[in-house]
Amino acid sequence: MLSLLKILRPGFAVTLLLVPLVFLAPLVPFVPLDALAQTKAEATPFMHEKTYLLPSGKRVAITFLERPCKSGGSSGCSEADAGMWGTDGGVPRFITEVFLVSIDGREFVIPEKFYKDLTNTYHLNAFEQKARVIIELKGGEAAGAYTARFTLGGMCGFERKVCGEVCGEIWERTTWYNAFAYEAEAGCESGIQ
């Protein structure tokens, strides 16, 4: 049941081969629409537990866990406002619950307020740049998409930059100094190393 259809236009002719869908079924995988809906509904929170061995020899262990967010406020979730990254309004599907970092076995403290506003994360990576440890997170989608980069400065503190999915401009920049490390680390007096 193949048929040819010829479309004539001024200056050229196009021939279309019309094939009934029954013949194409074995060639094209079929995914029912309700399966796509189930995939989104059954999405799981992002979890990342990994130790990175960086080129300098530093071992950076990261535990990052999200949890489902249910509307109603009882689970600590509420409508997203301008201070939340990863959603473009509404209640985020997932919020960050745990963000632990250690460098060569020493805990690097990142206060809760610097990661609780990151929602719907889907990627985490650690690398070095100019002898500093960088932790990069990506999350959200469409207008709510973000990239958050934590530049760790010794044990003295860090800088967090948040930008769009592709970092063309910085939307938020925060510098945090670990005052507790200033007594223990001699180099901290000059700020983030």
N, C-alpha and C. Protein backbone atom coordinates (compact mmCIF):
# COMPACT_ATOMS: atom_id res chain seq x y z
N MET A 1 0.82 -1.19 0.00
CA MET A 1 0.00 0.00 0.00
C MET A 1 0.86 1.25 0.00
N LEU A 2 1.88 1.26 -0.79
CA LEU A 2 2.71 2.43 -0.93
C LEU A 2 2.09 3.31 -2.00
N SER A 3 2.19 4.59 -1.81
CA SER A 3 1.66 5.49 -2.82
C SER A 3 2.62 6.66 -3.00
N LEU A 4 2.62 7.17 -4.20
CA LEU A 4 3.47 8.31 -4.52
C LEU A 4 2.59 9.54 -4.67
N LEU A 5 3.08 10.62 -4.18
CA LEU A 5 2.38 11.88 -4.31
C LEU A 5 3.36 12.87 -4.89
N LYS A 6 2.97 13.46 -5.96
CA LYS A 6 3.86 14.41 -6.62
C LYS A 6 3.29 15.81 -6.38
N ILE A 7 4.13 16.68 -5.87
CA ILE A 7 3.73 18.06 -5.62
C ILE A 7 4.50 18.92 -6.60
N LEU A 8 3.79 19.63 -7.39
CA LEU A 8 4.43 20.51 -8.36
C LEU A 8 4.38 21.94 -7.86
N ARG A 9 5.49 22.56 -7.89
CA ARG A 9 5.60 23.97 -7.54
C ARG A 9 6.32 24.65 -8.69
N PRO A 10 6.12 25.90 -8.84
CA PRO A 10 6.84 26.58 -9.92
C PRO A 10 8.34 26.42 -9.73
N GLY A 11 9.00 25.84 -10.70
CA GLY A 11 10.45 25.72 -10.67
C GLY A 11 10.98 24.40 -10.16
N PHE A 12 10.16 23.59 -9.42
CA PHE A 12 10.66 22.29 -8.98
C PHE A 12 9.50 21.36 -8.68
N ALA A 13 9.82 20.09 -8.63
CA ALA A 13 8.83 19.08 -8.30
C ALA A 13 9.34 18.24 -7.14
N VAL A 14 8.49 17.88 -6.22
CA VAL A 14 8.84 17.06 -5.07
C VAL A 14 7.98 15.81 -5.12
N THR A 15 8.62 14.68 -4.92
CA THR A 15 7.87 13.43 -4.88
C THR A 15 7.93 12.91 -3.46
N LEU A 16 6.78 12.67 -2.89
CA LEU A 16 6.68 12.13 -1.54
C LEU A 16 6.27 10.69 -1.60
N LEU A 17 6.88 9.88 -0.80
CA LEU A 17 6.52 8.49 -0.70
C LEU A 17 5.69 8.34 0.56
N LEU A 18 4.45 7.99 0.41
CA LEU A 18 3.56 7.84 1.55
C LEU A 18 3.53 6.38 1.95
N VAL A 19 3.88 6.09 3.19
CA VAL A 19 3.92 4.72 3.69
C VAL A 19 2.97 4.64 4.86
N PRO A 20 2.07 3.69 4.85
CA PRO A 20 1.17 3.55 6.01
C PRO A 20 1.99 3.28 7.28
N LEU A 21 1.52 3.81 8.40
CA LEU A 21 2.25 3.68 9.67
C LEU A 21 2.43 2.23 10.09
N VAL A 22 1.58 1.34 9.64
CA VAL A 22 1.69 -0.07 10.01
C VAL A 22 3.04 -0.63 9.56
N PHE A 23 3.51 -0.20 8.38
CA PHE A 23 4.78 -0.69 7.88
C PHE A 23 5.97 -0.09 8.64
N LEU A 24 5.81 1.10 9.20
CA LEU A 24 6.90 1.75 9.91
C LEU A 24 7.00 1.34 11.37
N ALA A 25 5.96 0.72 11.91
CA ALA A 25 5.91 0.38 13.33
C ALA A 25 7.15 -0.39 13.80
N PRO A 26 7.64 -1.39 13.06
CA PRO A 26 8.83 -2.10 13.55
C PRO A 26 10.08 -1.23 13.55
N LEU A 27 10.09 -0.15 12.76
CA LEU A 27 11.27 0.69 12.66
C LEU A 27 11.31 1.81 13.68
N VAL A 28 10.16 2.23 14.16
CA VAL A 28 10.07 3.36 15.07
C VAL A 28 9.60 2.87 16.43
N PRO A 29 10.40 3.06 17.49
CA PRO A 29 9.95 2.63 18.82
C PRO A 29 8.74 3.45 19.25
N PHE A 30 7.77 2.77 19.80
CA PHE A 30 6.54 3.42 20.22
C PHE A 30 6.56 3.62 21.72
N VAL A 31 6.34 4.83 22.16
CA VAL A 31 6.28 5.15 23.58
C VAL A 31 4.91 5.74 23.86
N PRO A 32 4.10 5.05 24.65
CA PRO A 32 2.77 5.61 24.96
C PRO A 32 2.90 6.91 25.75
N LEU A 33 1.98 7.83 25.51
CA LEU A 33 2.03 9.14 26.17
C LEU A 33 1.94 9.02 27.68
N ASP A 34 1.16 8.07 28.20
CA ASP A 34 1.06 7.94 29.65
C ASP A 34 2.37 7.46 30.27
N ALA A 35 3.23 6.79 29.48
CA ALA A 35 4.54 6.39 29.99
C ALA A 35 5.41 7.61 30.22
N LEU A 36 5.30 8.61 29.34
CA LEU A 36 6.05 9.85 29.54
C LEU A 36 5.57 10.57 30.79
N ALA A 37 4.28 10.58 31.01
CA ALA A 37 3.72 11.22 32.21
C ALA A 37 4.19 10.49 33.46
N GLN A 38 4.25 9.14 33.40
CA GLN A 38 4.72 8.39 34.56
C GLN A 38 6.18 8.71 34.86
N THR A 39 6.99 8.84 33.82
CA THR A 39 8.41 9.13 34.02
C THR A 39 8.58 10.43 34.79
N LYS A 40 7.84 11.46 34.42
CA LYS A 40 7.96 12.74 35.11
C LYS A 40 7.42 12.63 36.54
N ALA A 41 6.29 11.94 36.72
CA ALA A 41 5.69 11.81 38.04
C ALA A 41 6.57 10.97 38.97
N GLU A 42 7.28 9.98 38.40
CA GLU A 42 8.09 9.09 39.21
C GLU A 42 9.55 9.53 39.28
N ALA A 43 9.84 10.77 38.89
CA ALA A 43 11.22 11.26 38.95
C ALA A 43 11.73 11.14 40.38
N THR A 44 13.01 10.87 40.51
CA THR A 44 13.58 10.69 41.83
C THR A 44 14.48 11.87 42.18
N PRO A 45 14.62 12.14 43.47
CA PRO A 45 15.50 13.24 43.90
C PRO A 45 16.95 12.94 43.50
N PHE A 46 17.70 13.99 43.25
CA PHE A 46 19.11 13.86 42.87
C PHE A 46 19.93 13.45 44.09
N MET A 47 20.78 12.44 43.93
CA MET A 47 21.67 11.99 45.00
C MET A 47 23.06 11.83 44.40
N HIS A 48 24.05 12.32 45.11
CA HIS A 48 25.43 12.26 44.60
C HIS A 48 26.36 12.03 45.78
N GLU A 49 27.03 10.90 45.79
CA GLU A 49 28.05 10.61 46.80
C GLU A 49 29.27 10.11 46.05
N LYS A 50 30.31 10.94 46.05
CA LYS A 50 31.49 10.58 45.27
C LYS A 50 32.72 11.26 45.86
N THR A 51 33.86 10.59 45.73
CA THR A 51 35.14 11.18 46.11
C THR A 51 35.93 11.41 44.82
N TYR A 52 36.34 12.66 44.63
CA TYR A 52 37.09 13.05 43.44
C TYR A 52 38.57 13.13 43.81
N LEU A 53 39.43 12.59 42.95
CA LEU A 53 40.86 12.76 43.11
C LEU A 53 41.27 13.79 42.07
N LEU A 54 41.64 14.99 42.53
CA LEU A 54 41.95 16.09 41.64
C LEU A 54 43.42 16.04 41.20
N PRO A 55 43.77 16.73 40.12
CA PRO A 55 45.16 16.70 39.61
C PRO A 55 46.22 17.08 40.64
N SER A 56 45.87 17.94 41.60
CA SER A 56 46.84 18.34 42.63
C SER A 56 47.07 17.25 43.67
N GLY A 57 46.25 16.19 43.64
CA GLY A 57 46.34 15.13 44.63
C GLY A 57 45.30 15.27 45.74
N LYS A 58 44.56 16.37 45.76
CA LYS A 58 43.53 16.56 46.79
C LYS A 58 42.40 15.56 46.56
N ARG A 59 41.87 15.05 47.67
CA ARG A 59 40.70 14.18 47.62
C ARG A 59 39.51 14.99 48.14
N VAL A 60 38.53 15.15 47.28
CA VAL A 60 37.34 15.92 47.63
C VAL A 60 36.15 14.97 47.67
N ALA A 61 35.59 14.77 48.86
CA ALA A 61 34.42 13.90 49.03
C ALA A 61 33.19 14.78 49.13
N ILE A 62 32.16 14.44 48.34
CA ILE A 62 30.93 15.24 48.31
C ILE A 62 29.73 14.33 48.49
N THR A 63 28.84 14.73 49.40
CA THR A 63 27.54 14.09 49.56
C THR A 63 26.50 15.17 49.34
N PHE A 64 25.65 14.94 48.34
CA PHE A 64 24.61 15.91 48.00
C PHE A 64 23.32 15.12 47.84
N LEU A 65 22.32 15.46 48.63
CA LEU A 65 21.04 14.74 48.60
C LEU A 65 19.88 15.73 48.53
N GLU A 66 18.92 15.41 47.69
CA GLU A 66 17.68 16.17 47.63
C GLU A 66 16.56 15.31 48.21
N ARG A 67 15.45 15.95 48.50
CA ARG A 67 14.27 15.22 48.95
C ARG A 67 13.05 15.75 48.21
N PRO A 68 12.02 14.92 48.08
CA PRO A 68 10.80 15.38 47.41
C PRO A 68 10.17 16.54 48.19
N CYS A 69 9.57 17.40 47.45
CA CYS A 69 8.92 18.56 48.04
C CYS A 69 7.43 18.45 47.77
N LYS A 70 6.64 18.47 48.81
CA LYS A 70 5.20 18.39 48.64
C LYS A 70 4.59 19.71 49.07
N SER A 71 3.61 20.16 48.33
CA SER A 71 2.98 21.43 48.67
C SER A 71 2.17 21.28 49.95
N GLY A 72 1.88 22.37 50.56
CA GLY A 72 1.11 22.35 51.79
C GLY A 72 1.91 22.87 52.97
N GLY A 73 3.21 23.03 52.79
CA GLY A 73 4.03 23.64 53.83
C GLY A 73 4.47 22.70 54.93
N SER A 74 3.85 21.51 55.08
CA SER A 74 4.20 20.63 56.19
C SER A 74 5.60 20.03 56.03
N SER A 75 6.08 19.92 54.80
CA SER A 75 7.41 19.34 54.58
C SER A 75 8.48 20.42 54.42
N GLY A 76 8.15 21.65 54.79
CA GLY A 76 9.11 22.73 54.66
C GLY A 76 9.15 23.33 53.27
N CYS A 77 8.20 22.96 52.44
CA CYS A 77 8.15 23.46 51.07
C CYS A 77 7.05 24.50 50.93
N SER A 78 7.36 25.49 50.15
CA SER A 78 6.34 26.51 49.88
C SER A 78 6.53 26.97 48.44
N GLU A 79 5.64 27.82 48.01
CA GLU A 79 5.75 28.37 46.66
C GLU A 79 7.12 29.00 46.49
N ALA A 80 7.72 28.74 45.34
CA ALA A 80 9.03 29.33 45.06
C ALA A 80 8.89 30.84 44.90
N ASP A 81 9.87 31.54 45.42
CA ASP A 81 9.88 32.99 45.25
C ASP A 81 11.15 33.35 44.48
N ALA A 82 11.46 34.59 44.40
CA ALA A 82 12.64 35.03 43.65
C ALA A 82 13.94 34.54 44.26
N GLY A 83 13.91 34.04 45.49
CA GLY A 83 15.12 33.57 46.15
C GLY A 83 15.40 32.09 45.95
N MET A 84 14.63 31.41 45.10
CA MET A 84 14.84 29.98 44.84
C MET A 84 15.38 29.81 43.43
N TRP A 85 16.37 28.91 43.28
CA TRP A 85 16.92 28.60 41.97
C TRP A 85 16.44 27.23 41.54
N GLY A 86 16.08 27.08 40.28
CA GLY A 86 15.72 25.77 39.74
C GLY A 86 14.25 25.60 39.43
N THR A 87 13.47 26.62 39.68
CA THR A 87 12.05 26.55 39.34
C THR A 87 11.58 27.92 38.91
N ASP A 88 10.60 27.93 38.07
CA ASP A 88 10.06 29.19 37.55
C ASP A 88 8.66 29.40 38.12
N GLY A 89 8.56 29.37 39.44
CA GLY A 89 7.28 29.53 40.11
C GLY A 89 6.73 28.18 40.55
N GLY A 90 5.74 28.20 41.42
CA GLY A 90 5.16 26.97 41.93
C GLY A 90 6.04 26.35 43.00
N VAL A 91 5.70 25.13 43.38
CA VAL A 91 6.46 24.40 44.39
C VAL A 91 7.49 23.54 43.67
N PRO A 92 8.77 23.62 44.04
CA PRO A 92 9.77 22.79 43.37
C PRO A 92 9.50 21.31 43.62
N ARG A 93 9.89 20.45 42.67
CA ARG A 93 9.71 19.01 42.87
C ARG A 93 10.63 18.49 43.96
N PHE A 94 11.89 19.02 44.00
CA PHE A 94 12.89 18.55 44.97
C PHE A 94 13.65 19.72 45.54
N ILE A 95 14.00 19.62 46.84
CA ILE A 95 14.83 20.65 47.46
C ILE A 95 16.07 19.97 48.06
N THR A 96 17.14 20.73 48.18
CA THR A 96 18.40 20.20 48.70
C THR A 96 18.28 19.99 50.20
N GLU A 97 18.62 18.80 50.63
CA GLU A 97 18.54 18.44 52.04
C GLU A 97 19.93 18.38 52.67
N VAL A 98 20.92 17.84 51.96
CA VAL A 98 22.27 17.63 52.51
C VAL A 98 23.30 18.05 51.46
N PHE A 99 24.29 18.81 51.91
CA PHE A 99 25.43 19.16 51.06
C PHE A 99 26.67 19.15 51.94
N LEU A 100 27.39 18.03 51.92
CA LEU A 100 28.58 17.86 52.75
C LEU A 100 29.81 17.77 51.86
N VAL A 101 30.87 18.46 52.26
CA VAL A 101 32.12 18.46 51.49
C VAL A 101 33.27 18.25 52.46
N SER A 102 34.21 17.40 52.07
CA SER A 102 35.45 17.29 52.84
C SER A 102 36.61 17.27 51.86
N ILE A 103 37.68 17.93 52.27
CA ILE A 103 38.89 18.01 51.45
C ILE A 103 40.00 17.33 52.23
N ASP A 104 40.56 16.28 51.65
CA ASP A 104 41.60 15.48 52.32
C ASP A 104 41.19 15.07 53.73
N GLY A 105 39.95 14.68 53.89
CA GLY A 105 39.45 14.18 55.17
C GLY A 105 38.99 15.25 56.14
N ARG A 106 39.18 16.52 55.83
CA ARG A 106 38.74 17.61 56.71
C ARG A 106 37.43 18.18 56.18
N GLU A 107 36.45 18.29 57.08
CA GLU A 107 35.15 18.82 56.67
C GLU A 107 35.28 20.28 56.24
N PHE A 108 34.68 20.60 55.11
CA PHE A 108 34.60 21.97 54.63
C PHE A 108 33.16 22.40 54.83
N VAL A 109 32.94 23.34 55.73
CA VAL A 109 31.58 23.73 56.11
C VAL A 109 30.98 24.67 55.07
N ILE A 110 29.82 24.26 54.55
CA ILE A 110 29.01 25.13 53.70
C ILE A 110 27.70 25.32 54.44
N PRO A 111 27.46 26.51 54.96
CA PRO A 111 26.23 26.74 55.72
C PRO A 111 24.97 26.45 54.90
N GLU A 112 23.95 25.98 55.58
CA GLU A 112 22.69 25.57 54.96
C GLU A 112 22.08 26.63 54.06
N LYS A 113 22.17 27.88 54.47
CA LYS A 113 21.52 28.94 53.69
C LYS A 113 22.13 29.11 52.30
N PHE A 114 23.31 28.51 52.06
CA PHE A 114 23.95 28.63 50.76
C PHE A 114 23.60 27.50 49.81
N TYR A 115 22.84 26.51 50.28
CA TYR A 115 22.41 25.45 49.36
C TYR A 115 20.92 25.14 49.44
N LYS A 116 20.21 25.62 50.44
CA LYS A 116 18.78 25.33 50.56
C LYS A 116 17.95 25.99 49.45
N ASP A 117 18.52 26.98 48.78
CA ASP A 117 17.78 27.65 47.71
C ASP A 117 18.04 27.03 46.34
N LEU A 118 18.82 25.94 46.30
CA LEU A 118 19.08 25.23 45.04
C LEU A 118 18.11 24.06 44.94
N THR A 119 17.27 24.06 43.92
CA THR A 119 16.24 23.03 43.79
C THR A 119 16.36 22.32 42.44
N ASN A 120 15.76 21.15 42.38
CA ASN A 120 15.67 20.38 41.13
C ASN A 120 17.03 20.18 40.46
N THR A 121 18.03 19.81 41.24
CA THR A 121 19.39 19.61 40.73
C THR A 121 19.44 18.33 39.90
N TYR A 122 20.25 18.36 38.82
CA TYR A 122 20.41 17.16 38.01
C TYR A 122 21.87 16.82 37.71
N HIS A 123 22.83 17.67 38.11
CA HIS A 123 24.24 17.41 37.80
C HIS A 123 25.14 18.04 38.85
N LEU A 124 26.22 17.33 39.21
CA LEU A 124 27.23 17.86 40.13
C LEU A 124 28.59 17.38 39.65
N ASN A 125 29.57 18.27 39.69
CA ASN A 125 30.93 17.94 39.30
C ASN A 125 31.90 18.73 40.16
N ALA A 126 33.08 18.16 40.38
CA ALA A 126 34.14 18.86 41.11
C ALA A 126 35.39 18.84 40.25
N PHE A 127 36.10 19.97 40.24
CA PHE A 127 37.33 20.07 39.47
C PHE A 127 38.19 21.16 40.08
N GLU A 128 39.41 21.35 39.55
CA GLU A 128 40.31 22.38 40.04
C GLU A 128 40.50 23.45 38.98
N GLN A 129 40.64 24.66 39.46
CA GLN A 129 40.93 25.79 38.58
C GLN A 129 41.80 26.76 39.36
N LYS A 130 42.97 27.04 38.86
CA LYS A 130 43.93 27.93 39.53
C LYS A 130 44.16 27.48 40.97
N ALA A 131 44.38 26.18 41.16
CA ALA A 131 44.68 25.55 42.46
C ALA A 131 43.53 25.66 43.46
N ARG A 132 42.35 25.99 43.01
CA ARG A 132 41.17 26.02 43.89
C ARG A 132 40.21 24.92 43.50
N VAL A 133 39.50 24.42 44.49
CA VAL A 133 38.48 23.40 44.25
C VAL A 133 37.19 24.11 43.82
N ILE A 134 36.62 23.65 42.71
CA ILE A 134 35.35 24.19 42.21
C ILE A 134 34.32 23.07 42.26
N ILE A 135 33.18 23.34 42.85
CA ILE A 135 32.06 22.41 42.82
C ILE A 135 30.97 23.08 42.01
N GLU A 136 30.54 22.41 40.95
CA GLU A 136 29.55 22.98 40.05
C GLU A 136 28.28 22.14 40.08
N LEU A 137 27.16 22.82 40.29
CA LEU A 137 25.85 22.16 40.29
C LEU A 137 25.01 22.76 39.18
N LYS A 138 24.20 21.93 38.55
CA LYS A 138 23.25 22.40 37.54
C LYS A 138 21.89 21.88 37.92
N GLY A 139 20.88 22.72 37.69
CA GLY A 139 19.53 22.30 38.05
C GLY A 139 18.48 23.08 37.30
N GLY A 140 17.24 22.70 37.54
CA GLY A 140 16.11 23.36 36.92
C GLY A 140 16.01 23.06 35.44
N GLU A 141 15.05 23.71 34.81
CA GLU A 141 14.86 23.56 33.38
C GLU A 141 14.19 24.81 32.85
N ALA A 142 14.38 25.05 31.59
CA ALA A 142 13.79 26.20 30.89
C ALA A 142 14.16 27.50 31.61
N ALA A 143 13.17 28.32 31.93
CA ALA A 143 13.45 29.63 32.54
C ALA A 143 14.02 29.50 33.95
N GLY A 144 13.83 28.35 34.61
CA GLY A 144 14.33 28.16 35.97
C GLY A 144 15.70 27.51 36.03
N ALA A 145 16.34 27.26 34.88
CA ALA A 145 17.63 26.57 34.86
C ALA A 145 18.73 27.44 35.47
N TYR A 146 19.65 26.79 36.17
CA TYR A 146 20.75 27.52 36.81
C TYR A 146 22.03 26.69 36.81
N THR A 147 23.14 27.37 36.99
CA THR A 147 24.44 26.77 37.29
C THR A 147 24.95 27.47 38.53
N ALA A 148 25.31 26.71 39.55
CA ALA A 148 25.88 27.29 40.78
C ALA A 148 27.30 26.77 40.92
N ARG A 149 28.25 27.68 41.06
CA ARG A 149 29.66 27.30 41.22
C ARG A 149 30.16 27.76 42.58
N PHE A 150 30.65 26.81 43.34
CA PHE A 150 31.26 27.09 44.64
C PHE A 150 32.76 27.03 44.44
N THR A 151 33.46 28.15 44.64
CA THR A 151 34.91 28.19 44.56
C THR A 151 35.42 28.17 46.00
N LEU A 152 36.04 27.05 46.38
CA LEU A 152 36.48 26.88 47.76
C LEU A 152 37.87 27.46 47.92
N GLY A 153 38.06 28.28 48.94
CA GLY A 153 39.35 28.93 49.18
C GLY A 153 40.03 28.38 50.40
N GLY A 154 40.84 27.34 50.24
CA GLY A 154 41.47 26.70 51.39
C GLY A 154 40.36 26.24 52.33
N MET A 155 40.54 26.38 53.61
CA MET A 155 39.46 26.08 54.55
C MET A 155 38.86 27.39 55.07
N CYS A 156 39.25 28.51 54.45
CA CYS A 156 38.90 29.84 54.93
C CYS A 156 37.50 30.30 54.54
N GLY A 157 36.97 29.79 53.48
CA GLY A 157 35.66 30.24 53.02
C GLY A 157 35.45 29.87 51.57
N PHE A 158 34.46 30.47 50.96
CA PHE A 158 34.17 30.16 49.57
C PHE A 158 33.43 31.31 48.92
N GLU A 159 33.34 31.23 47.61
CA GLU A 159 32.55 32.17 46.83
C GLU A 159 31.55 31.34 46.05
N ARG A 160 30.29 31.78 46.04
CA ARG A 160 29.26 31.09 45.27
C ARG A 160 28.77 32.04 44.19
N LYS A 161 28.76 31.55 42.96
CA LYS A 161 28.22 32.31 41.84
C LYS A 161 27.09 31.51 41.23
N VAL A 162 25.98 32.17 40.97
CA VAL A 162 24.84 31.53 40.32
C VAL A 162 24.58 32.27 39.02
N CYS A 163 24.41 31.49 37.97
CA CYS A 163 24.13 32.08 36.66
C CYS A 163 23.16 31.17 35.93
N GLY A 164 22.87 31.50 34.68
CA GLY A 164 21.96 30.68 33.88
C GLY A 164 22.61 29.35 33.54
N GLU A 165 21.88 28.55 32.79
CA GLU A 165 22.38 27.23 32.41
C GLU A 165 23.73 27.34 31.70
N VAL A 166 23.87 28.34 30.85
CA VAL A 166 25.15 28.66 30.24
C VAL A 166 25.56 29.99 30.85
N CYS A 167 26.69 30.01 31.55
CA CYS A 167 27.08 31.19 32.33
C CYS A 167 27.56 32.33 31.43
N GLY A 168 26.65 33.16 31.00
CA GLY A 168 27.01 34.35 30.24
C GLY A 168 27.18 35.55 31.17
N GLU A 169 26.35 35.60 32.19
CA GLU A 169 26.45 36.67 33.19
C GLU A 169 26.10 36.10 34.56
N ILE A 170 26.71 36.65 35.58
CA ILE A 170 26.49 36.19 36.96
C ILE A 170 25.23 36.85 37.49
N TRP A 171 24.29 36.03 37.97
CA TRP A 171 23.04 36.55 38.53
C TRP A 171 23.17 36.84 40.02
N GLU A 172 24.00 36.06 40.71
CA GLU A 172 24.19 36.26 42.15
C GLU A 172 25.61 35.85 42.51
N ARG A 173 26.25 36.66 43.34
CA ARG A 173 27.60 36.35 43.82
C ARG A 173 27.62 36.55 45.33
N THR A 174 28.08 35.51 46.04
CA THR A 174 28.13 35.56 47.49
C THR A 174 29.50 35.09 47.95
N THR A 175 30.11 35.82 48.87
CA THR A 175 31.38 35.41 49.45
C THR A 175 31.16 35.16 50.93
N TRP A 176 31.61 34.02 51.41
CA TRP A 176 31.46 33.65 52.81
C TRP A 176 32.83 33.37 53.39
N TYR A 177 33.14 34.05 54.50
CA TYR A 177 34.40 33.85 55.20
C TYR A 177 34.15 32.99 56.43
N ASN A 178 34.92 31.93 56.58
CA ASN A 178 34.79 31.03 57.72
C ASN A 178 35.59 31.60 58.89
N ALA A 179 34.93 32.39 59.72
CA ALA A 179 35.60 33.07 60.83
C ALA A 179 36.24 32.08 61.81
N PHE A 180 35.67 30.87 61.92
CA PHE A 180 36.22 29.88 62.84
C PHE A 180 37.58 29.37 62.37
N ALA A 181 37.82 29.41 61.07
CA ALA A 181 39.10 28.91 60.53
C ALA A 181 40.22 29.93 60.69
N TYR A 182 39.87 31.18 60.93
CA TYR A 182 40.89 32.22 60.96
C TYR A 182 41.91 32.00 62.07
N GLU A 183 41.48 31.45 63.18
CA GLU A 183 42.42 31.16 64.28
C GLU A 183 43.25 29.93 63.98
N ALA A 184 42.63 28.92 63.34
CA ALA A 184 43.32 27.66 63.09
C ALA A 184 44.23 27.72 61.86
N GLU A 185 43.87 28.50 60.85
CA GLU A 185 44.63 28.56 59.60
C GLU A 185 45.32 29.91 59.50
N ALA A 186 46.62 29.90 59.52
CA ALA A 186 47.38 31.16 59.46
C ALA A 186 47.12 31.96 58.19
N GLY A 187 46.92 31.25 57.06
CA GLY A 187 46.72 31.94 55.79
C GLY A 187 45.35 32.56 55.63
N CYS A 188 44.43 32.31 56.54
CA CYS A 188 43.07 32.82 56.40
C CYS A 188 42.97 34.32 56.64
N GLU A 189 43.93 34.89 57.31
CA GLU A 189 43.84 36.31 57.62
C GLU A 189 43.80 37.19 56.37
N SER A 190 44.26 36.65 55.25
CA SER A 190 44.21 37.42 54.01
C SER A 190 42.93 37.16 53.23
N GLY A 191 41.99 36.45 53.83
CA GLY A 191 40.72 36.16 53.18
C GLY A 191 40.75 34.83 52.46
N ILE A 192 39.88 34.65 51.49
CA ILE A 192 39.81 33.38 50.78
C ILE A 192 41.08 33.21 49.97
N GLN A 193 41.70 32.07 50.12
CA GLN A 193 42.97 31.80 49.44
C GLN A 193 42.73 31.26 48.05
